Amino acid sequence: MENKFYDFTAEDIKGQKQSMEQYKGRVVLVVNTASKCGFTPQFEGLEKLHRKYKDQGLVILGFPCNQFGGQDPGSDGEIEEFCQINYGVSFPMFSKVDVNGDAAHPLFKYLKGKLKGGLFGSKIKWNFTKFLLDSNGRPVKRYSSLTKPEAIEKDIAKLLKKK
């Protein structure tokens, strides 16, 4: 039987195992993040989306990744502190993961298999690639690193209306 989004677990940034099942019924935006990347200021836009739509059913899940240019070398604790101090991040952040290669987190293998990218096929090209899932846990759209969070807002709002 094929995996579904709700079948996956991941360690949060505090090292606690979390089931994606806790997000059932919510619109989910999964993002691979990095603290020292040209796209790092997107944390600000992600946090704005989170604050604006969390009560309507949106949850943003941040997954730090150090696979692209070594742009997230810190420990989980350092990453968490950086995100809170610099961007006031209050959405769930997870422990650092790989998103490409043999050691890629199973969640990212699943998402890449469901929503292929452009030129690079299923591979994630860089930090801040975003995957939008509907309230039934179905992956519906993939966005490149270049897509700013505010450009995703209309898609999020549309999915929240369908909930």
N, C-alpha and C. Protein backbone atom coordinates (compact mmCIF):
# COMPACT_ATOMS: atom_id res chain seq x y z
N MET A 1 0.84 -1.20 0.00
CA MET A 1 0.00 0.00 0.00
C MET A 1 0.88 1.26 0.00
N GLU A 2 0.45 2.24 -0.75
CA GLU A 2 1.21 3.47 -0.87
C GLU A 2 1.13 4.30 0.42
N ASN A 3 2.27 4.92 0.77
CA ASN A 3 2.28 5.82 1.92
C ASN A 3 1.44 7.05 1.64
N LYS A 4 0.91 7.61 2.69
CA LYS A 4 0.21 8.89 2.65
C LYS A 4 0.98 9.84 3.58
N PHE A 5 0.77 11.12 3.39
CA PHE A 5 1.46 12.12 4.21
C PHE A 5 1.33 11.82 5.69
N TYR A 6 0.14 11.40 6.12
CA TYR A 6 -0.13 11.18 7.55
C TYR A 6 0.59 9.96 8.11
N ASP A 7 1.17 9.14 7.25
CA ASP A 7 1.90 7.95 7.70
C ASP A 7 3.31 8.28 8.19
N PHE A 8 3.81 9.48 7.88
CA PHE A 8 5.20 9.81 8.19
C PHE A 8 5.36 10.40 9.58
N THR A 9 6.57 10.23 10.10
CA THR A 9 6.96 10.86 11.35
C THR A 9 8.27 11.59 11.10
N ALA A 10 8.56 12.55 11.94
CA ALA A 10 9.83 13.28 11.87
C ALA A 10 10.14 13.80 13.27
N GLU A 11 11.42 13.98 13.53
CA GLU A 11 11.82 14.55 14.82
C GLU A 11 11.69 16.05 14.76
N ASP A 12 11.03 16.63 15.77
CA ASP A 12 10.98 18.09 15.80
C ASP A 12 12.34 18.62 16.25
N ILE A 13 12.48 19.93 16.24
CA ILE A 13 13.78 20.55 16.51
C ILE A 13 14.26 20.30 17.94
N LYS A 14 13.35 19.84 18.81
CA LYS A 14 13.71 19.50 20.19
C LYS A 14 14.05 18.01 20.33
N GLY A 15 13.96 17.27 19.19
CA GLY A 15 14.30 15.85 19.23
C GLY A 15 13.14 14.92 19.56
N GLN A 16 11.92 15.46 19.58
CA GLN A 16 10.73 14.65 19.87
C GLN A 16 10.11 14.14 18.58
N LYS A 17 9.79 12.85 18.55
CA LYS A 17 9.18 12.25 17.37
C LYS A 17 7.76 12.79 17.20
N GLN A 18 7.45 13.27 16.00
CA GLN A 18 6.14 13.84 15.71
C GLN A 18 5.51 13.11 14.53
N SER A 19 4.24 12.79 14.66
CA SER A 19 3.50 12.17 13.57
C SER A 19 2.84 13.26 12.72
N MET A 20 2.89 13.09 11.42
CA MET A 20 2.22 14.05 10.53
C MET A 20 0.70 13.94 10.67
N GLU A 21 0.25 12.86 11.30
CA GLU A 21 -1.18 12.65 11.50
C GLU A 21 -1.79 13.78 12.34
N GLN A 22 -0.98 14.42 13.18
CA GLN A 22 -1.52 15.51 14.00
C GLN A 22 -1.97 16.70 13.15
N TYR A 23 -1.60 16.71 11.87
CA TYR A 23 -1.97 17.81 10.98
C TYR A 23 -3.16 17.46 10.08
N LYS A 24 -3.83 16.34 10.39
CA LYS A 24 -5.02 15.93 9.62
C LYS A 24 -6.05 17.05 9.63
N GLY A 25 -6.61 17.31 8.46
CA GLY A 25 -7.64 18.34 8.36
C GLY A 25 -7.08 19.74 8.18
N ARG A 26 -5.76 19.88 8.14
CA ARG A 26 -5.14 21.19 7.98
C ARG A 26 -4.47 21.29 6.62
N VAL A 27 -4.39 22.48 6.09
CA VAL A 27 -3.61 22.74 4.89
C VAL A 27 -2.16 22.86 5.37
N VAL A 28 -1.25 22.16 4.70
CA VAL A 28 0.14 22.08 5.17
C VAL A 28 1.09 22.61 4.10
N LEU A 29 2.06 23.42 4.53
CA LEU A 29 3.13 23.87 3.64
C LEU A 29 4.43 23.35 4.23
N VAL A 30 5.09 22.42 3.51
CA VAL A 30 6.36 21.84 3.95
C VAL A 30 7.48 22.58 3.22
N VAL A 31 8.47 23.06 3.99
CA VAL A 31 9.56 23.85 3.42
C VAL A 31 10.90 23.33 3.92
N ASN A 32 11.87 23.14 2.99
CA ASN A 32 13.23 22.85 3.45
C ASN A 32 13.93 24.19 3.62
N THR A 33 14.42 24.45 4.80
CA THR A 33 14.94 25.77 5.16
C THR A 33 16.46 25.75 5.37
N ALA A 34 17.04 26.94 5.46
CA ALA A 34 18.45 27.10 5.79
C ALA A 34 18.65 28.48 6.41
N SER A 35 19.56 28.56 7.37
CA SER A 35 19.78 29.80 8.11
C SER A 35 20.75 30.77 7.45
N LYS A 36 21.58 30.28 6.54
CA LYS A 36 22.61 31.13 5.96
C LYS A 36 22.54 31.14 4.43
N CYS A 37 21.34 31.34 3.93
CA CYS A 37 21.06 31.26 2.49
C CYS A 37 20.53 32.60 2.01
N GLY A 38 20.70 32.89 0.74
CA GLY A 38 20.14 34.11 0.17
C GLY A 38 18.62 34.16 0.30
N PHE A 39 17.99 32.98 0.44
CA PHE A 39 16.53 32.92 0.57
C PHE A 39 16.07 32.92 2.03
N THR A 40 17.01 32.96 2.97
CA THR A 40 16.67 32.91 4.39
C THR A 40 15.63 33.97 4.80
N PRO A 41 15.66 35.19 4.21
CA PRO A 41 14.62 36.17 4.58
C PRO A 41 13.19 35.69 4.29
N GLN A 42 13.02 34.59 3.54
CA GLN A 42 11.68 34.05 3.33
C GLN A 42 11.05 33.58 4.65
N PHE A 43 11.87 33.36 5.68
CA PHE A 43 11.30 33.02 6.99
C PHE A 43 10.29 34.08 7.41
N GLU A 44 10.59 35.34 7.10
CA GLU A 44 9.69 36.43 7.47
C GLU A 44 8.32 36.27 6.79
N GLY A 45 8.32 36.00 5.50
CA GLY A 45 7.07 35.80 4.77
C GLY A 45 6.33 34.55 5.22
N LEU A 46 7.08 33.48 5.50
CA LEU A 46 6.46 32.25 6.00
C LEU A 46 5.78 32.50 7.34
N GLU A 47 6.45 33.23 8.21
CA GLU A 47 5.88 33.53 9.53
C GLU A 47 4.61 34.39 9.39
N LYS A 48 4.62 35.35 8.45
CA LYS A 48 3.43 36.17 8.21
C LYS A 48 2.26 35.30 7.77
N LEU A 49 2.51 34.37 6.84
CA LEU A 49 1.45 33.46 6.38
C LEU A 49 0.94 32.62 7.56
N HIS A 50 1.88 32.13 8.35
CA HIS A 50 1.52 31.30 9.51
C HIS A 50 0.60 32.07 10.45
N ARG A 51 1.00 33.28 10.80
CA ARG A 51 0.20 34.07 11.74
C ARG A 51 -1.17 34.43 11.18
N LYS A 52 -1.21 34.73 9.87
CA LYS A 52 -2.46 35.16 9.24
C LYS A 52 -3.46 34.00 9.11
N TYR A 53 -2.96 32.79 8.82
CA TYR A 53 -3.86 31.69 8.47
C TYR A 53 -3.89 30.51 9.44
N LYS A 54 -3.08 30.54 10.49
CA LYS A 54 -3.04 29.36 11.38
C LYS A 54 -4.40 29.07 12.01
N ASP A 55 -5.15 30.10 12.35
CA ASP A 55 -6.46 29.88 12.98
C ASP A 55 -7.51 29.40 11.98
N GLN A 56 -7.20 29.54 10.68
CA GLN A 56 -8.11 29.06 9.63
C GLN A 56 -7.73 27.65 9.17
N GLY A 57 -6.62 27.13 9.70
CA GLY A 57 -6.26 25.75 9.38
C GLY A 57 -4.96 25.54 8.64
N LEU A 58 -4.10 26.56 8.51
CA LEU A 58 -2.80 26.38 7.86
C LEU A 58 -1.75 26.00 8.89
N VAL A 59 -0.87 25.09 8.51
CA VAL A 59 0.33 24.84 9.31
C VAL A 59 1.52 24.80 8.36
N ILE A 60 2.59 25.48 8.76
CA ILE A 60 3.84 25.47 8.01
C ILE A 60 4.81 24.62 8.78
N LEU A 61 5.50 23.72 8.08
CA LEU A 61 6.48 22.83 8.70
C LEU A 61 7.84 23.11 8.09
N GLY A 62 8.77 23.57 8.91
CA GLY A 62 10.12 23.89 8.45
C GLY A 62 11.09 22.76 8.73
N PHE A 63 11.83 22.36 7.70
CA PHE A 63 12.82 21.29 7.83
C PHE A 63 14.18 21.82 7.41
N PRO A 64 15.04 22.17 8.38
CA PRO A 64 16.38 22.65 8.04
C PRO A 64 17.16 21.59 7.25
N CYS A 65 17.97 22.06 6.32
CA CYS A 65 18.75 21.16 5.48
C CYS A 65 20.10 21.81 5.20
N ASN A 66 21.17 21.03 5.30
CA ASN A 66 22.52 21.55 5.07
C ASN A 66 23.12 21.01 3.77
N GLN A 67 22.29 20.50 2.87
CA GLN A 67 22.78 19.88 1.64
C GLN A 67 23.14 20.85 0.53
N PHE A 68 22.74 22.09 0.64
CA PHE A 68 22.96 23.04 -0.44
C PHE A 68 23.96 24.11 0.00
N GLY A 69 25.18 23.96 -0.41
CA GLY A 69 26.21 24.95 -0.08
C GLY A 69 26.53 25.02 1.40
N GLY A 70 26.20 23.99 2.18
CA GLY A 70 26.49 23.99 3.62
C GLY A 70 25.89 25.19 4.32
N GLN A 71 24.67 25.56 3.94
CA GLN A 71 24.08 26.80 4.43
C GLN A 71 23.25 26.66 5.71
N ASP A 72 23.31 25.50 6.34
CA ASP A 72 22.70 25.36 7.66
C ASP A 72 23.56 24.43 8.51
N PRO A 73 24.79 24.88 8.82
CA PRO A 73 25.74 24.01 9.52
C PRO A 73 25.50 23.86 11.02
N GLY A 74 24.68 24.73 11.60
CA GLY A 74 24.50 24.74 13.05
C GLY A 74 23.76 23.53 13.59
N SER A 75 23.77 23.43 14.91
CA SER A 75 23.01 22.37 15.60
C SER A 75 21.52 22.75 15.55
N ASP A 76 20.66 21.80 15.89
CA ASP A 76 19.23 22.08 15.93
C ASP A 76 18.94 23.24 16.89
N GLY A 77 19.62 23.26 18.02
CA GLY A 77 19.42 24.34 18.99
C GLY A 77 19.82 25.69 18.44
N GLU A 78 20.94 25.73 17.72
CA GLU A 78 21.39 27.00 17.11
C GLU A 78 20.41 27.45 16.02
N ILE A 79 19.92 26.51 15.25
CA ILE A 79 18.97 26.83 14.18
C ILE A 79 17.69 27.39 14.78
N GLU A 80 17.19 26.72 15.81
CA GLU A 80 15.96 27.16 16.47
C GLU A 80 16.12 28.58 17.01
N GLU A 81 17.23 28.83 17.68
CA GLU A 81 17.49 30.15 18.26
C GLU A 81 17.57 31.21 17.15
N PHE A 82 18.29 30.91 16.08
CA PHE A 82 18.42 31.83 14.95
C PHE A 82 17.04 32.20 14.39
N CYS A 83 16.20 31.20 14.17
CA CYS A 83 14.88 31.43 13.59
C CYS A 83 14.00 32.28 14.49
N GLN A 84 14.08 32.05 15.80
CA GLN A 84 13.24 32.80 16.73
C GLN A 84 13.75 34.23 16.91
N ILE A 85 15.06 34.38 17.07
CA ILE A 85 15.62 35.71 17.31
C ILE A 85 15.48 36.60 16.07
N ASN A 86 15.81 36.07 14.90
CA ASN A 86 15.84 36.88 13.69
C ASN A 86 14.51 37.02 12.97
N TYR A 87 13.64 36.02 13.10
CA TYR A 87 12.39 36.05 12.33
C TYR A 87 11.15 35.76 13.17
N GLY A 88 11.31 35.54 14.45
CA GLY A 88 10.15 35.27 15.32
C GLY A 88 9.36 34.04 14.92
N VAL A 89 10.07 33.05 14.35
CA VAL A 89 9.39 31.85 13.84
C VAL A 89 8.62 31.14 14.96
N SER A 90 7.32 30.96 14.73
CA SER A 90 6.50 30.26 15.72
C SER A 90 5.84 29.01 15.12
N PHE A 91 6.06 28.76 13.83
CA PHE A 91 5.52 27.53 13.24
C PHE A 91 6.47 26.37 13.56
N PRO A 92 5.99 25.14 13.47
CA PRO A 92 6.83 23.99 13.84
C PRO A 92 8.08 23.85 12.98
N MET A 93 9.20 23.71 13.66
CA MET A 93 10.48 23.46 13.00
C MET A 93 10.92 22.05 13.41
N PHE A 94 11.57 21.38 12.49
CA PHE A 94 12.00 20.00 12.70
C PHE A 94 13.51 19.90 12.73
N SER A 95 13.97 18.75 13.12
CA SER A 95 15.40 18.46 13.16
C SER A 95 15.94 18.46 11.73
N LYS A 96 17.20 18.81 11.60
CA LYS A 96 17.84 18.88 10.29
C LYS A 96 17.72 17.56 9.54
N VAL A 97 17.40 17.64 8.23
CA VAL A 97 17.25 16.45 7.40
C VAL A 97 17.99 16.63 6.07
N ASP A 98 18.19 15.50 5.38
CA ASP A 98 18.60 15.53 3.98
C ASP A 98 17.33 15.46 3.17
N VAL A 99 17.31 16.15 2.03
CA VAL A 99 16.12 16.13 1.17
C VAL A 99 16.39 15.43 -0.17
N ASN A 100 17.66 15.22 -0.48
CA ASN A 100 18.07 14.52 -1.69
C ASN A 100 19.00 13.37 -1.33
N GLY A 101 19.15 12.43 -2.26
CA GLY A 101 20.10 11.34 -2.07
C GLY A 101 19.52 10.18 -1.29
N ASP A 102 20.37 9.18 -1.08
CA ASP A 102 19.94 7.95 -0.40
C ASP A 102 19.47 8.20 1.03
N ALA A 103 20.08 9.19 1.69
CA ALA A 103 19.74 9.47 3.08
C ALA A 103 18.59 10.48 3.22
N ALA A 104 17.94 10.82 2.11
CA ALA A 104 16.83 11.79 2.18
C ALA A 104 15.75 11.28 3.12
N HIS A 105 15.17 12.21 3.87
CA HIS A 105 14.08 11.86 4.78
C HIS A 105 12.93 11.26 3.95
N PRO A 106 12.32 10.18 4.44
CA PRO A 106 11.22 9.54 3.69
C PRO A 106 10.09 10.50 3.30
N LEU A 107 9.81 11.50 4.12
CA LEU A 107 8.77 12.47 3.79
C LEU A 107 9.13 13.22 2.50
N PHE A 108 10.40 13.61 2.37
CA PHE A 108 10.81 14.34 1.17
C PHE A 108 10.88 13.42 -0.05
N LYS A 109 11.23 12.16 0.16
CA LYS A 109 11.18 11.20 -0.95
C LYS A 109 9.75 11.10 -1.47
N TYR A 110 8.81 11.03 -0.55
CA TYR A 110 7.39 10.95 -0.89
C TYR A 110 6.93 12.20 -1.65
N LEU A 111 7.22 13.38 -1.08
CA LEU A 111 6.77 14.63 -1.69
C LEU A 111 7.37 14.82 -3.08
N LYS A 112 8.66 14.51 -3.23
CA LYS A 112 9.32 14.65 -4.53
C LYS A 112 8.73 13.68 -5.55
N GLY A 113 8.33 12.51 -5.09
CA GLY A 113 7.71 11.53 -5.98
C GLY A 113 6.33 11.95 -6.46
N LYS A 114 5.63 12.69 -5.60
CA LYS A 114 4.27 13.14 -5.92
C LYS A 114 4.26 14.40 -6.78
N LEU A 115 5.19 15.30 -6.51
CA LEU A 115 5.24 16.59 -7.22
C LEU A 115 6.64 16.79 -7.79
N LYS A 116 6.80 16.46 -9.03
CA LYS A 116 8.10 16.61 -9.70
C LYS A 116 8.38 18.08 -9.93
N GLY A 117 9.65 18.42 -9.90
CA GLY A 117 10.06 19.80 -10.18
C GLY A 117 10.21 20.00 -11.68
N GLY A 118 10.73 21.13 -12.07
CA GLY A 118 10.91 21.43 -13.49
C GLY A 118 12.11 20.71 -14.07
N LEU A 119 13.15 21.46 -14.36
CA LEU A 119 14.37 20.95 -14.98
C LEU A 119 14.99 19.77 -14.24
N PHE A 120 14.87 19.77 -12.95
CA PHE A 120 15.59 18.79 -12.14
C PHE A 120 14.77 17.55 -11.81
N GLY A 121 13.61 17.41 -12.43
CA GLY A 121 12.77 16.25 -12.14
C GLY A 121 12.33 16.27 -10.69
N SER A 122 12.53 15.14 -10.01
CA SER A 122 12.05 15.09 -8.63
C SER A 122 13.06 15.67 -7.64
N LYS A 123 14.29 15.87 -8.05
CA LYS A 123 15.31 16.40 -7.15
C LYS A 123 14.97 17.80 -6.66
N ILE A 124 15.30 18.07 -5.42
CA ILE A 124 15.14 19.43 -4.90
C ILE A 124 16.40 20.19 -5.28
N LYS A 125 16.19 21.36 -5.88
CA LYS A 125 17.30 22.14 -6.43
C LYS A 125 18.04 22.95 -5.36
N TRP A 126 17.30 23.50 -4.39
CA TRP A 126 17.93 24.41 -3.42
C TRP A 126 17.06 24.56 -2.18
N ASN A 127 17.56 25.32 -1.21
CA ASN A 127 16.81 25.62 0.01
C ASN A 127 15.52 26.38 -0.31
N PHE A 128 14.55 26.24 0.57
CA PHE A 128 13.26 26.94 0.49
C PHE A 128 12.40 26.47 -0.69
N THR A 129 12.55 25.20 -1.06
CA THR A 129 11.57 24.57 -1.95
C THR A 129 10.36 24.28 -1.06
N LYS A 130 9.16 24.52 -1.60
CA LYS A 130 7.94 24.43 -0.80
C LYS A 130 6.97 23.44 -1.43
N PHE A 131 6.30 22.66 -0.58
CA PHE A 131 5.29 21.70 -1.02
C PHE A 131 3.98 22.03 -0.29
N LEU A 132 2.92 22.26 -1.06
CA LEU A 132 1.63 22.59 -0.48
C LEU A 132 0.73 21.36 -0.54
N LEU A 133 0.13 21.02 0.61
CA LEU A 133 -0.77 19.87 0.70
C LEU A 133 -2.15 20.35 1.12
N ASP A 134 -3.18 19.72 0.57
CA ASP A 134 -4.54 20.11 0.94
C ASP A 134 -4.91 19.51 2.30
N SER A 135 -6.13 19.80 2.76
CA SER A 135 -6.54 19.38 4.10
C SER A 135 -6.77 17.87 4.22
N ASN A 136 -6.64 17.15 3.11
CA ASN A 136 -6.70 15.68 3.14
C ASN A 136 -5.31 15.07 3.05
N GLY A 137 -4.28 15.91 3.13
CA GLY A 137 -2.91 15.42 3.08
C GLY A 137 -2.41 15.11 1.68
N ARG A 138 -3.13 15.57 0.66
CA ARG A 138 -2.70 15.33 -0.72
C ARG A 138 -1.78 16.46 -1.19
N PRO A 139 -0.58 16.11 -1.67
CA PRO A 139 0.31 17.14 -2.24
C PRO A 139 -0.34 17.73 -3.49
N VAL A 140 -0.48 19.06 -3.54
CA VAL A 140 -1.15 19.69 -4.67
C VAL A 140 -0.25 20.59 -5.50
N LYS A 141 0.79 21.17 -4.90
CA LYS A 141 1.63 22.08 -5.67
C LYS A 141 3.02 22.17 -5.06
N ARG A 142 4.00 22.34 -5.95
CA ARG A 142 5.40 22.50 -5.54
C ARG A 142 5.88 23.86 -6.04
N TYR A 143 6.64 24.54 -5.20
CA TYR A 143 7.15 25.87 -5.53
C TYR A 143 8.66 25.87 -5.40
N SER A 144 9.33 26.59 -6.29
CA SER A 144 10.79 26.66 -6.25
C SER A 144 11.23 27.63 -5.15
N SER A 145 12.52 27.63 -4.91
CA SER A 145 13.13 28.55 -3.94
C SER A 145 12.84 30.00 -4.29
N LEU A 146 12.73 30.28 -5.58
CA LEU A 146 12.51 31.65 -6.02
C LEU A 146 11.11 32.17 -5.70
N THR A 147 10.17 31.26 -5.46
CA THR A 147 8.79 31.67 -5.17
C THR A 147 8.71 32.18 -3.74
N LYS A 148 8.38 33.46 -3.62
CA LYS A 148 8.27 34.06 -2.29
C LYS A 148 6.99 33.58 -1.61
N PRO A 149 7.01 33.47 -0.28
CA PRO A 149 5.82 33.00 0.44
C PRO A 149 4.54 33.78 0.08
N GLU A 150 4.67 35.10 -0.09
CA GLU A 150 3.46 35.89 -0.39
C GLU A 150 2.84 35.51 -1.74
N ALA A 151 3.64 34.94 -2.64
CA ALA A 151 3.12 34.51 -3.94
C ALA A 151 2.29 33.22 -3.82
N ILE A 152 2.42 32.54 -2.71
CA ILE A 152 1.69 31.28 -2.47
C ILE A 152 0.36 31.55 -1.76
N GLU A 153 0.21 32.75 -1.22
CA GLU A 153 -0.94 33.06 -0.37
C GLU A 153 -2.28 32.76 -1.04
N LYS A 154 -2.44 33.11 -2.32
CA LYS A 154 -3.74 32.88 -2.99
C LYS A 154 -4.05 31.38 -3.07
N ASP A 155 -3.03 30.54 -3.29
CA ASP A 155 -3.25 29.09 -3.34
C ASP A 155 -3.65 28.55 -1.96
N ILE A 156 -3.01 29.09 -0.92
CA ILE A 156 -3.34 28.68 0.45
C ILE A 156 -4.78 29.07 0.78
N ALA A 157 -5.12 30.31 0.48
CA ALA A 157 -6.48 30.81 0.78
C ALA A 157 -7.54 29.97 0.06
N LYS A 158 -7.26 29.60 -1.17
CA LYS A 158 -8.20 28.78 -1.96
C LYS A 158 -8.40 27.41 -1.29
N LEU A 159 -7.31 26.79 -0.85
CA LEU A 159 -7.41 25.48 -0.20
C LEU A 159 -8.13 25.58 1.15
N LEU A 160 -7.89 26.67 1.87
CA LEU A 160 -8.55 26.84 3.17
C LEU A 160 -10.06 26.99 3.00
N LYS A 161 -10.49 27.61 1.90
CA LYS A 161 -11.93 27.76 1.63
C LYS A 161 -12.59 26.42 1.35
N LYS A 162 -11.83 25.49 0.76
CA LYS A 162 -12.37 24.17 0.41
C LYS A 162 -12.45 23.23 1.60
N LYS A 163 -11.76 23.57 2.68
CA LYS A 163 -11.67 22.69 3.85
C LYS A 163 -13.01 22.18 4.33
